[in-house]
Amino acid sequence: MEAMFHITTLHYLVLGAVLFLLGVIGVLTRRNVVIVLMSIELILNAVNLNLVAFSRFWGSVHGQVFAIFIITDAAAEAAVGLGILIAFFRNKETINVDEVNLLKW
């Protein structure tokens, strides 16, 4: 017997929600800046998954175009975030989020 399993839009939305939740938990609970940046990337990828799923569901390419813009924004965010992280580490020799307020002065 061969089981037929059809992946629907709901499956993609549930996966996107799980990825989004994991990203939010990572941002709220971690103190390491690298892990926080990775969690933000996870959130953006969850949004991309939902955009592409709805784009396929509606038969339009608008969601895919927005996903490309979000990927571009995520790459820029990673580059700027890592640059700030390197500058911070050179000054304070730590990557703890609690120490970031020292950059104010």
N, C-alpha and C. Protein backbone atom coordinates (compact mmCIF):
# COMPACT_ATOMS: atom_id res chain seq x y z
N MET A 1 0.83 -1.18 0.00
CA MET A 1 0.00 0.00 0.00
C MET A 1 0.87 1.24 0.00
N GLU A 2 0.55 2.13 -0.88
CA GLU A 2 1.28 3.38 -0.98
C GLU A 2 0.43 4.49 -0.40
N ALA A 3 0.99 5.17 0.58
CA ALA A 3 0.25 6.25 1.24
C ALA A 3 0.44 7.53 0.45
N MET A 4 -0.65 8.20 0.18
CA MET A 4 -0.60 9.48 -0.51
C MET A 4 -0.59 10.59 0.53
N PHE A 5 0.44 11.40 0.49
CA PHE A 5 0.54 12.52 1.42
C PHE A 5 0.71 13.77 0.60
N HIS A 6 -0.28 14.64 0.67
CA HIS A 6 -0.26 15.87 -0.11
C HIS A 6 0.11 17.03 0.81
N ILE A 7 1.17 17.74 0.47
CA ILE A 7 1.60 18.88 1.27
C ILE A 7 0.79 20.10 0.84
N THR A 8 0.09 20.67 1.79
CA THR A 8 -0.77 21.82 1.50
C THR A 8 -0.11 23.11 2.01
N THR A 9 -0.79 24.20 1.76
CA THR A 9 -0.30 25.49 2.23
C THR A 9 -0.26 25.53 3.76
N LEU A 10 -1.16 24.83 4.40
CA LEU A 10 -1.18 24.80 5.86
C LEU A 10 0.12 24.23 6.42
N HIS A 11 0.67 23.22 5.77
CA HIS A 11 1.94 22.65 6.23
C HIS A 11 3.06 23.70 6.20
N TYR A 12 3.12 24.47 5.14
CA TYR A 12 4.13 25.52 5.03
C TYR A 12 3.92 26.60 6.09
N LEU A 13 2.66 26.95 6.34
CA LEU A 13 2.37 27.98 7.33
C LEU A 13 2.71 27.52 8.74
N VAL A 14 2.46 26.25 9.04
CA VAL A 14 2.82 25.72 10.36
C VAL A 14 4.33 25.69 10.52
N LEU A 15 5.05 25.27 9.48
CA LEU A 15 6.51 25.27 9.54
C LEU A 15 7.04 26.69 9.70
N GLY A 16 6.46 27.64 8.98
CA GLY A 16 6.86 29.04 9.13
C GLY A 16 6.59 29.56 10.53
N ALA A 17 5.46 29.18 11.11
CA ALA A 17 5.14 29.61 12.47
C ALA A 17 6.11 29.03 13.49
N VAL A 18 6.49 27.77 13.30
CA VAL A 18 7.45 27.14 14.21
C VAL A 18 8.81 27.82 14.09
N LEU A 19 9.26 28.09 12.86
CA LEU A 19 10.54 28.78 12.67
C LEU A 19 10.49 30.18 13.28
N PHE A 20 9.38 30.88 13.09
CA PHE A 20 9.23 32.22 13.66
C PHE A 20 9.28 32.17 15.18
N LEU A 21 8.60 31.20 15.77
CA LEU A 21 8.59 31.06 17.22
C LEU A 21 9.99 30.75 17.76
N LEU A 22 10.71 29.87 17.08
CA LEU A 22 12.08 29.56 17.49
C LEU A 22 12.98 30.80 17.40
N GLY A 23 12.79 31.60 16.37
CA GLY A 23 13.57 32.82 16.23
C GLY A 23 13.26 33.82 17.33
N VAL A 24 11.99 33.98 17.66
CA VAL A 24 11.60 34.92 18.72
C VAL A 24 12.14 34.45 20.07
N ILE A 25 12.06 33.15 20.33
CA ILE A 25 12.61 32.63 21.58
C ILE A 25 14.11 32.86 21.64
N GLY A 26 14.80 32.67 20.51
CA GLY A 26 16.24 32.91 20.48
C GLY A 26 16.60 34.36 20.72
N VAL A 27 15.82 35.27 20.17
CA VAL A 27 16.10 36.70 20.38
C VAL A 27 15.85 37.09 21.83
N LEU A 28 14.80 36.56 22.43
CA LEU A 28 14.42 36.99 23.77
C LEU A 28 15.24 36.33 24.88
N THR A 29 15.79 35.14 24.64
CA THR A 29 16.42 34.41 25.74
C THR A 29 17.94 34.38 25.67
N ARG A 30 18.54 34.64 24.54
CA ARG A 30 19.99 34.50 24.42
C ARG A 30 20.70 35.81 24.69
N ARG A 31 21.94 35.71 25.18
CA ARG A 31 22.74 36.89 25.46
C ARG A 31 23.86 37.06 24.46
N ASN A 32 24.16 36.04 23.69
CA ASN A 32 25.22 36.11 22.70
C ASN A 32 24.70 36.83 21.45
N VAL A 33 25.41 37.84 21.01
CA VAL A 33 24.96 38.65 19.88
C VAL A 33 24.90 37.84 18.60
N VAL A 34 25.82 36.90 18.42
CA VAL A 34 25.82 36.08 17.21
C VAL A 34 24.55 35.24 17.14
N ILE A 35 24.15 34.67 18.26
CA ILE A 35 22.93 33.85 18.29
C ILE A 35 21.70 34.73 18.08
N VAL A 36 21.72 35.94 18.60
CA VAL A 36 20.60 36.87 18.38
C VAL A 36 20.48 37.20 16.89
N LEU A 37 21.62 37.46 16.23
CA LEU A 37 21.59 37.73 14.79
C LEU A 37 21.09 36.51 14.00
N MET A 38 21.51 35.32 14.41
CA MET A 38 21.03 34.11 13.74
C MET A 38 19.52 33.93 13.95
N SER A 39 19.03 34.28 15.12
CA SER A 39 17.60 34.18 15.40
C SER A 39 16.80 35.17 14.55
N ILE A 40 17.36 36.36 14.34
CA ILE A 40 16.69 37.33 13.48
C ILE A 40 16.64 36.80 12.04
N GLU A 41 17.71 36.17 11.60
CA GLU A 41 17.71 35.57 10.26
C GLU A 41 16.66 34.46 10.17
N LEU A 42 16.50 33.70 11.25
CA LEU A 42 15.49 32.65 11.27
C LEU A 42 14.09 33.24 11.16
N ILE A 43 13.85 34.35 11.83
CA ILE A 43 12.56 35.03 11.74
C ILE A 43 12.30 35.50 10.31
N LEU A 44 13.31 36.09 9.69
CA LEU A 44 13.14 36.57 8.31
C LEU A 44 12.91 35.41 7.35
N ASN A 45 13.57 34.28 7.56
CA ASN A 45 13.35 33.13 6.69
C ASN A 45 11.96 32.53 6.89
N ALA A 46 11.43 32.61 8.11
CA ALA A 46 10.05 32.15 8.34
C ALA A 46 9.06 33.02 7.58
N VAL A 47 9.31 34.32 7.58
CA VAL A 47 8.46 35.24 6.82
C VAL A 47 8.56 34.94 5.33
N ASN A 48 9.77 34.66 4.85
CA ASN A 48 9.95 34.31 3.44
C ASN A 48 9.19 33.06 3.07
N LEU A 49 9.23 32.06 3.94
CA LEU A 49 8.50 30.82 3.67
C LEU A 49 7.01 31.07 3.56
N ASN A 50 6.48 31.90 4.44
CA ASN A 50 5.05 32.22 4.38
C ASN A 50 4.71 33.02 3.12
N LEU A 51 5.57 33.96 2.76
CA LEU A 51 5.31 34.74 1.54
C LEU A 51 5.30 33.86 0.30
N VAL A 52 6.24 32.95 0.20
CA VAL A 52 6.30 32.07 -0.97
C VAL A 52 5.13 31.09 -0.96
N ALA A 53 4.73 30.61 0.21
CA ALA A 53 3.58 29.69 0.29
C ALA A 53 2.30 30.39 -0.16
N PHE A 54 2.08 31.61 0.31
CA PHE A 54 0.88 32.34 -0.12
C PHE A 54 0.98 32.73 -1.59
N SER A 55 2.17 33.02 -2.06
CA SER A 55 2.35 33.34 -3.46
C SER A 55 1.96 32.16 -4.34
N ARG A 56 2.37 30.98 -3.94
CA ARG A 56 2.01 29.77 -4.70
C ARG A 56 0.52 29.49 -4.59
N PHE A 57 -0.05 29.72 -3.41
CA PHE A 57 -1.48 29.47 -3.21
C PHE A 57 -2.33 30.37 -4.08
N TRP A 58 -1.96 31.66 -4.18
CA TRP A 58 -2.73 32.60 -4.97
C TRP A 58 -2.34 32.62 -6.44
N GLY A 59 -1.26 31.94 -6.81
CA GLY A 59 -0.84 31.90 -8.20
C GLY A 59 -0.23 33.21 -8.68
N SER A 60 0.42 33.91 -7.78
CA SER A 60 1.01 35.20 -8.09
C SER A 60 2.49 35.16 -7.73
N VAL A 61 3.26 36.09 -8.31
CA VAL A 61 4.68 36.14 -8.00
C VAL A 61 5.02 37.26 -7.02
N HIS A 62 4.02 37.97 -6.52
CA HIS A 62 4.28 39.11 -5.64
C HIS A 62 4.98 38.68 -4.35
N GLY A 63 4.57 37.58 -3.77
CA GLY A 63 5.20 37.09 -2.55
C GLY A 63 6.65 36.70 -2.78
N GLN A 64 6.94 36.14 -3.94
CA GLN A 64 8.31 35.75 -4.25
C GLN A 64 9.19 36.98 -4.44
N VAL A 65 8.65 38.03 -5.02
CA VAL A 65 9.41 39.27 -5.19
C VAL A 65 9.71 39.89 -3.83
N PHE A 66 8.71 39.90 -2.94
CA PHE A 66 8.95 40.41 -1.59
C PHE A 66 9.99 39.56 -0.86
N ALA A 67 9.96 38.25 -1.08
CA ALA A 67 10.93 37.37 -0.44
C ALA A 67 12.35 37.69 -0.90
N ILE A 68 12.52 38.02 -2.17
CA ILE A 68 13.84 38.40 -2.66
C ILE A 68 14.31 39.68 -1.99
N PHE A 69 13.41 40.65 -1.82
CA PHE A 69 13.79 41.88 -1.12
C PHE A 69 14.15 41.60 0.34
N ILE A 70 13.45 40.69 0.98
CA ILE A 70 13.76 40.36 2.37
C ILE A 70 15.10 39.64 2.47
N ILE A 71 15.40 38.78 1.51
CA ILE A 71 16.71 38.12 1.49
C ILE A 71 17.82 39.15 1.34
N THR A 72 17.61 40.14 0.48
CA THR A 72 18.60 41.20 0.30
C THR A 72 18.76 42.01 1.58
N ASP A 73 17.65 42.32 2.22
CA ASP A 73 17.69 43.05 3.49
C ASP A 73 18.38 42.23 4.57
N ALA A 74 18.14 40.94 4.60
CA ALA A 74 18.78 40.08 5.61
C ALA A 74 20.29 40.02 5.40
N ALA A 75 20.73 40.00 4.15
CA ALA A 75 22.17 40.00 3.87
C ALA A 75 22.81 41.30 4.33
N ALA A 76 22.13 42.42 4.07
CA ALA A 76 22.66 43.71 4.52
C ALA A 76 22.66 43.79 6.05
N GLU A 77 21.63 43.29 6.67
CA GLU A 77 21.56 43.29 8.13
C GLU A 77 22.67 42.44 8.72
N ALA A 78 22.95 41.29 8.12
CA ALA A 78 24.02 40.43 8.63
C ALA A 78 25.38 41.11 8.48
N ALA A 79 25.60 41.77 7.35
CA ALA A 79 26.89 42.43 7.14
C ALA A 79 27.08 43.58 8.12
N VAL A 80 26.07 44.42 8.29
CA VAL A 80 26.18 45.55 9.22
C VAL A 80 26.26 45.05 10.66
N GLY A 81 25.44 44.06 11.00
CA GLY A 81 25.47 43.51 12.36
C GLY A 81 26.80 42.88 12.70
N LEU A 82 27.38 42.14 11.78
CA LEU A 82 28.68 41.54 12.06
C LEU A 82 29.77 42.60 12.13
N GLY A 83 29.66 43.65 11.33
CA GLY A 83 30.62 44.75 11.43
C GLY A 83 30.57 45.43 12.78
N ILE A 84 29.36 45.69 13.26
CA ILE A 84 29.20 46.29 14.59
C ILE A 84 29.71 45.33 15.66
N LEU A 85 29.44 44.04 15.49
CA LEU A 85 29.90 43.05 16.44
C LEU A 85 31.42 42.99 16.52
N ILE A 86 32.10 43.06 15.39
CA ILE A 86 33.56 43.05 15.38
C ILE A 86 34.11 44.29 16.06
N ALA A 87 33.52 45.45 15.78
CA ALA A 87 33.97 46.68 16.42
C ALA A 87 33.75 46.62 17.93
N PHE A 88 32.61 46.08 18.34
CA PHE A 88 32.32 45.96 19.76
C PHE A 88 33.28 45.00 20.44
N PHE A 89 33.57 43.87 19.77
CA PHE A 89 34.47 42.89 20.37
C PHE A 89 35.89 43.44 20.50
N ARG A 90 36.31 44.25 19.54
CA ARG A 90 37.65 44.84 19.62
C ARG A 90 37.76 45.83 20.78
N ASN A 91 36.69 46.52 21.08
CA ASN A 91 36.72 47.50 22.17
C ASN A 91 36.53 46.88 23.54
N LYS A 92 35.59 45.95 23.67
CA LYS A 92 35.22 45.44 25.00
C LYS A 92 35.59 43.98 25.23
N GLU A 93 36.04 43.27 24.21
CA GLU A 93 36.43 41.86 24.28
C GLU A 93 35.32 40.97 24.82
N THR A 94 34.09 41.28 24.46
CA THR A 94 32.95 40.45 24.82
C THR A 94 31.89 40.61 23.74
N ILE A 95 31.02 39.59 23.62
CA ILE A 95 29.90 39.69 22.68
C ILE A 95 28.58 39.47 23.42
N ASN A 96 28.56 39.86 24.67
CA ASN A 96 27.38 39.73 25.50
C ASN A 96 26.43 40.90 25.23
N VAL A 97 25.15 40.59 25.06
CA VAL A 97 24.16 41.63 24.76
C VAL A 97 24.02 42.61 25.91
N ASP A 98 24.22 42.15 27.14
CA ASP A 98 24.09 43.04 28.29
C ASP A 98 25.14 44.15 28.29
N GLU A 99 26.24 43.97 27.60
CA GLU A 99 27.31 44.95 27.57
C GLU A 99 27.17 45.95 26.41
N VAL A 100 26.17 45.78 25.56
CA VAL A 100 26.04 46.61 24.37
C VAL A 100 25.77 48.06 24.73
N ASN A 101 25.14 48.33 25.84
CA ASN A 101 24.83 49.73 26.19
C ASN A 101 26.10 50.54 26.44
N LEU A 102 27.25 49.90 26.52
CA LEU A 102 28.50 50.62 26.68
C LEU A 102 28.91 51.36 25.42
N LEU A 103 28.29 51.05 24.27
CA LEU A 103 28.62 51.73 23.03
C LEU A 103 28.03 53.14 22.96
N LYS A 104 27.17 53.51 23.90
CA LYS A 104 26.54 54.83 23.87
C LYS A 104 27.55 55.95 24.03
N TRP A 105 28.59 55.72 24.81
CA TRP A 105 29.53 56.78 25.09
C TRP A 105 30.93 56.40 24.71
